[in-house]
Amino acid sequence: MSNQVYVGNLAQDTTSATLESVFREYGAVSELKIMQDRETQASRGFGFVTYSTPTDAAAAVDGLNDTE
């Protein structure tokens, strides 16, 4: 498994800090990116969280899959 986790269906007001606080519970987050529209800089509703190890990434997927 990869160290990177896709995160979809994000609310428009989700911030990097908020997202990191949720995913940090499952391991060491090394990078976090919320994708933004090029012109408006508004959130596109998805992002990626990269963990230090595949084990942490798997724990996040198992713990957060199908949650809001």
Protein backbone atom coordinates (compact mmCIF):
# COMPACT_ATOMS: atom_id res chain seq x y z
CA MET A 1 0.00 0.00 0.00
CA SER A 2 1.06 3.57 -0.65
CA ASN A 3 1.76 6.19 2.00
CA GLN A 4 -0.69 8.58 0.31
CA VAL A 5 -4.42 8.60 1.06
CA TYR A 6 -7.07 10.21 -1.17
CA VAL A 7 -9.67 12.21 0.78
CA GLY A 8 -12.90 13.01 -1.04
CA ASN A 9 -16.15 14.87 -0.41
CA LEU A 10 -14.54 17.60 1.69
CA ALA A 11 -16.72 20.49 2.79
CA GLN A 12 -15.82 23.80 1.14
CA ASP A 13 -14.76 25.28 4.47
CA THR A 14 -12.35 22.45 5.37
CA THR A 15 -8.89 23.80 6.17
CA SER A 16 -5.53 22.05 6.15
CA ALA A 17 -5.35 22.40 9.94
CA THR A 18 -8.75 20.78 10.42
CA LEU A 19 -7.93 17.94 8.07
CA GLU A 20 -4.56 17.35 9.69
CA SER A 21 -6.07 17.21 13.17
CA VAL A 22 -8.37 14.37 12.07
CA PHE A 23 -5.71 12.37 10.22
CA ARG A 24 -2.95 12.93 12.78
CA GLU A 25 -4.80 10.54 15.12
CA TYR A 26 -3.71 7.64 12.87
CA GLY A 27 -0.02 8.44 12.53
CA ALA A 28 2.62 10.94 11.49
CA VAL A 29 1.36 13.12 8.63
CA SER A 30 4.28 14.16 6.43
CA GLU A 31 2.31 16.15 3.83
CA LEU A 32 -1.24 17.34 3.30
CA LYS A 33 -2.77 18.99 0.25
CA ILE A 34 -6.31 20.23 -0.36
CA MET A 35 -6.76 20.70 -4.09
CA GLN A 36 -7.89 24.17 -5.18
CA ASP A 37 -9.32 25.69 -8.34
CA ARG A 38 -6.58 27.51 -10.27
CA GLU A 39 -8.58 30.65 -10.87
CA THR A 40 -10.71 31.08 -7.74
CA GLN A 41 -8.52 29.25 -5.20
CA ALA A 42 -11.72 27.63 -3.86
CA SER A 43 -11.50 24.06 -2.60
CA ARG A 44 -12.24 21.41 -5.22
CA GLY A 45 -13.61 19.13 -2.49
CA PHE A 46 -10.79 16.61 -2.33
CA GLY A 47 -7.21 16.27 -1.23
CA PHE A 48 -4.35 13.96 -0.30
CA VAL A 49 -2.74 13.07 3.01
CA THR A 50 0.72 11.50 3.00
CA TYR A 51 1.93 9.49 5.97
CA SER A 52 5.44 8.52 7.00
CA THR A 53 4.65 4.80 6.71
CA PRO A 54 2.21 2.62 4.77
CA THR A 55 1.04 1.18 8.10
CA ASP A 56 -0.17 4.62 9.25
CA ALA A 57 -1.89 5.18 5.90
CA ALA A 58 -3.66 1.82 6.17
CA ALA A 59 -4.78 2.63 9.72
CA ALA A 60 -6.30 5.92 8.51
CA VAL A 61 -8.12 4.22 5.66
CA ASP A 62 -9.49 1.55 7.99
CA GLY A 63 -10.47 4.06 10.66
CA LEU A 64 -11.99 6.77 8.48
CA ASN A 65 -13.44 4.98 5.45
CA ASP A 66 -17.14 5.87 4.98
CA THR A 67 -17.13 8.51 7.75
CA GLU A 68 -17.99 12.18 7.60
